[in-house]
Protein backbone atom coordinates (compact mmCIF):
# COMPACT_ATOMS: atom_id res chain seq x y z
CA GLN A 1 -72.53 298.68 43.23
CA LEU A 2 -70.36 301.14 41.35
CA SER A 3 -68.15 299.52 38.72
CA TYR A 4 -64.71 300.71 37.63
CA ASN A 5 -66.26 302.38 34.59
CA ASN A 6 -68.99 303.95 36.74
CA LEU A 7 -66.36 305.49 39.00
CA VAL A 8 -64.40 306.89 36.06
CA ASP A 9 -67.60 308.43 34.67
CA VAL A 10 -68.58 309.81 38.08
CA ASP A 11 -65.18 311.48 38.39
CA ALA A 12 -65.54 313.02 34.92
CA ALA A 13 -69.05 314.24 35.78
CA VAL A 14 -67.96 315.88 39.03
CA GLN A 15 -64.99 317.50 37.30
CA LEU A 16 -67.27 318.95 34.62
CA MET A 17 -69.98 320.17 37.02
CA ARG A 18 -67.28 321.92 39.06
CA GLU A 19 -67.36 324.57 36.33
CA PHE A 20 -71.06 325.26 37.02
CA VAL A 21 -71.17 325.20 40.84
CA GLY A 22 -72.84 328.31 42.21
CA GLY A 23 -74.36 329.20 38.86
CA PRO A 24 -77.88 328.78 37.45
CA PRO A 25 -79.45 325.30 37.54
CA ALA A 26 -77.32 323.01 35.38
CA VAL A 27 -77.52 319.41 34.19
CA ALA A 28 -74.86 317.34 32.44
CA ILE A 29 -75.30 313.89 30.94
CA LEU A 30 -72.11 311.91 30.31
CA LYS A 31 -71.24 308.75 28.47
CA HIS A 32 -67.74 307.26 28.61
CA THR A 33 -66.48 310.44 30.37
CA ASN A 34 -67.70 312.79 27.60
CA ALA A 35 -70.71 315.08 27.87
CA CYS A 36 -73.51 314.20 25.46
CA GLY A 37 -75.83 316.83 26.95
CA VAL A 38 -75.26 319.96 29.04
CA ALA A 39 -77.66 322.79 29.76
CA GLN A 40 -78.37 325.65 32.15
CA ALA A 41 -81.79 327.22 32.67
CA ASP A 42 -83.95 329.09 35.17
CA ASN A 43 -84.99 325.80 36.76
CA LEU A 44 -83.62 322.26 36.91
CA HIS A 45 -86.58 320.71 35.08
CA THR A 46 -85.96 322.88 31.98
CA ALA A 47 -82.19 322.41 32.21
CA TYR A 48 -82.66 318.64 32.17
CA ALA A 49 -85.03 318.79 29.18
CA ASN A 50 -82.53 320.90 27.24
CA ALA A 51 -79.60 318.68 28.17
CA LEU A 52 -81.47 315.55 27.11
CA ALA A 53 -82.49 317.14 23.80
CA CYS A 54 -78.84 317.48 22.80
CA ASP A 55 -78.45 313.72 22.28
CA PRO A 56 -81.25 311.57 23.71
CA VAL A 57 -79.75 308.47 22.06
CA SER A 58 -76.38 308.67 23.81
CA ALA A 59 -78.04 309.64 27.11
CA PHE A 60 -79.40 306.10 27.46
CA GLY A 61 -77.44 304.33 30.19
CA GLY A 62 -75.41 307.40 31.05
CA VAL A 63 -74.34 309.26 34.17
CA ILE A 64 -76.26 312.42 35.09
CA ILE A 65 -75.09 315.18 37.39
CA VAL A 66 -76.89 318.34 38.57
CA ASN A 67 -75.83 321.36 40.60
CA GLN A 68 -79.16 321.87 42.43
CA GLU A 69 -81.50 319.82 44.60
CA VAL A 70 -83.52 317.35 42.51
CA ASP A 71 -87.18 318.33 42.84
CA LEU A 72 -90.24 316.18 42.15
CA ALA A 73 -90.92 317.51 38.64
CA THR A 74 -87.33 316.85 37.56
CA ALA A 75 -87.36 313.40 39.18
CA GLN A 76 -90.50 312.47 37.26
CA GLU A 77 -88.82 313.41 33.97
CA LEU A 78 -85.59 311.67 34.91
CA ASN A 79 -87.55 308.52 35.68
CA LYS A 80 -88.53 308.21 32.02
CA LEU A 81 -84.90 307.61 31.06
CA PHE A 82 -82.73 304.59 31.75
CA PHE A 83 -79.57 305.89 33.42
CA GLU A 84 -77.02 304.25 35.68
CA VAL A 85 -75.97 307.01 38.08
CA LEU A 86 -77.46 310.30 39.25
CA ILE A 87 -75.32 312.73 41.26
CA ALA A 88 -76.84 315.69 43.09
CA PRO A 89 -76.07 317.91 46.09
CA SER A 90 -79.47 316.92 47.55
CA PHE A 91 -82.78 315.25 46.75
CA ALA A 92 -86.20 316.57 47.75
CA ALA A 93 -88.02 314.15 50.05
CA GLU A 94 -90.87 313.65 47.55
CA ALA A 95 -88.38 313.04 44.70
CA LEU A 96 -86.54 310.13 46.30
CA PRO A 97 -89.34 307.51 46.11
CA VAL A 98 -89.76 308.28 42.41
CA LEU A 99 -86.07 307.86 41.68
CA GLN A 100 -85.78 304.76 43.87
CA SER A 101 -88.64 303.01 42.07
CA LYS A 102 -86.31 301.66 39.37
CA LYS A 103 -83.88 298.82 40.01
CA ASN A 104 -80.14 298.97 39.33
CA ARG A 105 -80.02 302.73 39.63
CA ILE A 106 -77.40 304.45 41.77
CA LEU A 107 -78.14 307.78 43.48
CA LEU A 108 -75.11 309.64 44.81
CA LEU A 109 -75.09 312.60 47.17
CA GLN A 110 -72.27 314.93 46.23
CA LYS A 111 -70.36 316.35 49.14
CA PRO A 112 -67.75 319.12 49.05
CA VAL A 113 -64.61 317.78 47.41
CA GLU A 114 -61.04 319.03 47.18
CA PHE A 115 -59.82 318.25 43.69
CA PRO A 116 -56.37 316.68 43.33
CA LYS A 117 -53.66 319.02 42.15
CA LYS A 118 -51.85 316.28 40.25
CA GLN A 119 -52.92 313.91 37.48
CA ILE A 120 -51.24 310.50 37.44
CA LYS A 121 -51.38 307.84 34.71
CA THR A 122 -49.80 304.43 34.31
CA LEU A 123 -47.51 304.17 31.31
CA LEU A 124 -45.63 301.07 30.12
CA ASN A 125 -43.87 299.86 33.29
CA GLY A 126 -44.16 303.10 35.23
CA ILE A 127 -46.25 306.22 35.80
CA ILE A 128 -46.31 309.80 34.53
CA GLU A 129 -47.50 312.84 36.43
CA GLN A 130 -48.59 316.34 35.51
CA ASP A 131 -50.36 319.26 37.15
CA ALA A 132 -54.12 318.84 37.06
CA ASP A 133 -56.02 321.14 34.72
CA LEU A 134 -57.86 323.23 37.30
CA GLN A 135 -58.27 326.55 35.50
CA ILE A 136 -60.97 327.73 33.12
CA GLU A 137 -60.95 330.87 31.02
CA THR A 138 -63.91 333.23 31.15
CA ALA A 139 -64.80 336.52 29.45
CA PRO A 140 -62.04 338.62 31.13
CA ASP A 141 -59.48 336.16 29.72
CA PHE A 142 -60.81 336.31 26.16
CA ARG A 143 -58.73 338.31 23.67
CA THR A 144 -60.65 339.40 20.59
CA VAL A 145 -58.44 339.12 17.50
CA THR A 146 -60.99 339.81 14.76
CA GLU A 147 -62.51 342.98 13.37
CA SER A 148 -65.87 341.95 14.84
CA ALA A 149 -66.17 341.42 18.60
CA PRO A 150 -68.60 338.83 19.98
CA THR A 151 -71.91 340.10 21.31
CA ALA A 152 -72.83 339.71 24.98
CA ASP A 153 -74.91 336.61 24.16
CA GLU A 154 -72.06 335.16 22.12
CA VAL A 155 -69.61 335.76 24.97
CA ALA A 156 -71.93 333.88 27.34
CA ALA A 157 -72.19 331.03 24.86
CA LEU A 158 -68.41 330.99 24.32
CA GLU A 159 -67.81 330.75 28.08
CA PHE A 160 -70.32 327.89 28.29
CA ALA A 161 -68.83 326.04 25.31
CA ASN A 162 -65.27 326.50 26.57
CA LYS A 163 -66.13 324.83 29.89
CA ILE A 164 -67.51 321.77 28.10
CA CYS A 165 -64.62 321.69 25.66
CA LYS A 166 -62.11 321.52 28.52
CA HIS A 167 -63.70 318.30 29.77
CA THR A 168 -64.15 316.55 26.40
CA LYS A 169 -61.61 314.18 24.89
CA SER A 170 -59.36 315.74 22.26
CA ASN A 171 -59.53 316.43 19.41
CA THR A 172 -62.82 318.09 20.21
CA ILE A 173 -65.08 320.78 18.83
CA VAL A 174 -68.08 322.00 20.83
CA LEU A 175 -71.05 323.80 19.26
CA ALA A 176 -73.36 325.67 21.62
CA ARG A 177 -75.72 328.53 22.23
CA PRO A 178 -76.16 330.32 25.57
CA GLY A 179 -76.93 327.66 28.16
CA GLN A 180 -77.17 324.65 25.84
CA LEU A 181 -74.74 322.24 24.23
CA LEU A 182 -75.86 321.60 20.65
CA ALA A 183 -73.29 318.99 19.65
CA SER A 184 -69.72 317.87 20.17
CA GLY A 185 -67.16 316.22 17.97
CA VAL A 186 -65.28 313.96 20.37
CA GLY A 187 -61.91 312.18 20.33
CA GLN A 188 -61.24 312.57 16.63
CA THR A 189 -57.81 312.24 15.05
CA SER A 190 -58.21 315.53 13.20
CA ARG A 191 -59.86 318.74 14.27
CA VAL A 192 -61.79 319.14 11.04
CA ASP A 193 -63.26 315.65 11.51
CA ALA A 194 -64.36 316.64 15.02
CA LEU A 195 -66.14 319.66 13.54
CA ARG A 196 -67.83 317.62 10.83
CA GLN A 197 -68.99 315.10 13.42
CA ALA A 198 -70.45 317.88 15.57
CA ILE A 199 -72.27 319.48 12.64
CA GLU A 200 -73.74 316.16 11.52
CA LYS A 201 -74.84 315.30 15.05
CA ALA A 202 -76.51 318.69 15.54
CA ALA A 203 -78.41 318.21 12.28
CA SER A 204 -79.49 314.69 13.24
CA PHE A 205 -81.26 316.05 16.34
CA GLY A 206 -82.85 318.99 14.55
CA PHE A 207 -80.66 321.85 15.77
CA ASP A 208 -80.26 324.93 13.60
CA LEU A 209 -76.69 326.17 14.02
CA LYS A 210 -77.44 329.67 12.76
CA GLY A 211 -76.00 332.01 15.40
CA ALA A 212 -74.23 329.22 17.30
CA VAL A 213 -70.70 329.44 18.69
CA MET A 214 -67.78 327.04 18.41
CA ALA A 215 -65.11 326.08 20.95
CA SER A 216 -61.93 324.20 20.11
CA ASP A 217 -59.62 322.65 22.68
CA ALA A 218 -56.50 323.44 20.62
CA PHE A 219 -55.48 325.80 17.84
CA PHE A 220 -56.54 325.57 14.22
CA PRO A 221 -53.60 324.63 11.97
CA PHE A 222 -55.59 325.68 8.89
CA PRO A 223 -58.61 327.95 8.23
CA ASP A 224 -60.79 325.02 7.07
CA CYS A 225 -62.58 324.66 10.43
CA VAL A 226 -63.57 328.32 10.46
CA GLU A 227 -64.80 328.13 6.88
CA ILE A 228 -66.86 324.96 7.45
CA ALA A 229 -68.29 326.35 10.70
CA ALA A 230 -69.32 329.60 9.02
CA GLU A 231 -71.11 327.69 6.30
CA ALA A 232 -73.05 325.83 9.01
CA GLY A 233 -74.12 329.11 10.66
CA VAL A 234 -71.55 329.57 13.46
CA ARG A 235 -70.92 333.22 14.27
CA ALA A 236 -68.24 333.23 16.99
CA VAL A 237 -65.25 331.09 17.94
CA VAL A 238 -63.13 330.53 21.04
CA GLN A 239 -59.81 328.73 20.78
CA PRO A 240 -56.41 328.82 22.50
CA GLY A 241 -54.36 330.11 19.57
CA GLY A 242 -50.68 329.33 19.30
CA SER A 243 -50.42 328.07 15.73
CA ILE A 244 -47.84 329.64 13.43
CA LYS A 245 -50.82 329.96 11.06
CA ASP A 246 -53.24 331.63 13.51
CA GLN A 247 -53.53 334.61 11.18
CA ASP A 248 -54.96 332.41 8.42
CA SER A 249 -57.94 331.52 10.62
CA ILE A 250 -58.29 335.10 11.85
CA ASP A 251 -58.30 336.36 8.26
CA ALA A 252 -60.97 333.78 7.37
CA CYS A 253 -63.13 335.00 10.26
CA ASN A 254 -62.79 338.59 9.10
CA ARG A 255 -63.69 337.62 5.56
CA LEU A 256 -66.74 335.68 6.77
CA GLY A 257 -67.91 338.24 9.35
CA MET A 258 -67.20 336.03 12.36
CA ALA A 259 -65.80 336.93 15.77
CA MET A 260 -62.87 335.03 17.26
CA VAL A 261 -61.39 335.17 20.74
CA LEU A 262 -58.20 333.53 21.96
CA THR A 263 -57.63 332.19 25.49
CA GLY A 264 -53.93 331.34 25.37
CA VAL A 265 -54.62 328.04 27.16
CA ARG A 266 -54.79 324.64 25.49
CA HIS A 267 -56.71 322.03 27.52
CA PHE A 268 -56.22 319.08 25.17
CA LYS A 269 -57.78 316.32 27.34
CA HIS A 270 -56.24 312.87 26.89
């Protein structure tokens, strides 16, 4: 039976995977509504392996969602991990017995869903309401503000990272390469702490950040994040912009040979 927390995680998973519907095979692993692993690949089996590699510790007991039918090979790999919920658009007939062999595991078939246009939250003795965050910025929305423009691979990685960043609790920093989340700094009280957390987590799982990209869910008030990211190997950045000190971070990128694009949209998930 799905618990309250399960349902909240399922909702977060479906909201995140909405960004990858219709694209290459994708897998996301979530814990407490935040992605601890996301990957895209030529096949679901590889996508799952890459998503799990991001943070195999946090994946334990998590919620997994995919955008393709779960085949036998992927089911056999999934079966090695303890997880609570698996969401998929379909399951191959030979995959189901494998997945159903473990107790206390919930398999959900995702059907077409119309996402709510409003977000409502209880507050003190009442409720507050705002428009749901239903948009995502892609390459045509990116505005390059540095002397160096991102390469095609960096643009693909920036798009990928920006999608994950939108669905991660603020303050958040996402580090990625094309098709794979490398690490996230999640729910920190300062943006620089979120970056440091992400860098440390990437290192703990053996990821080399040379050539990686960084996404931030809100602007940089100071150039420290850009400087720390560059030292770690990050080469391109996507962020909303909007700080009165944007130019400080842009100047730092130019000095360090990094590319930066602005989206003009702050997601800032709370």
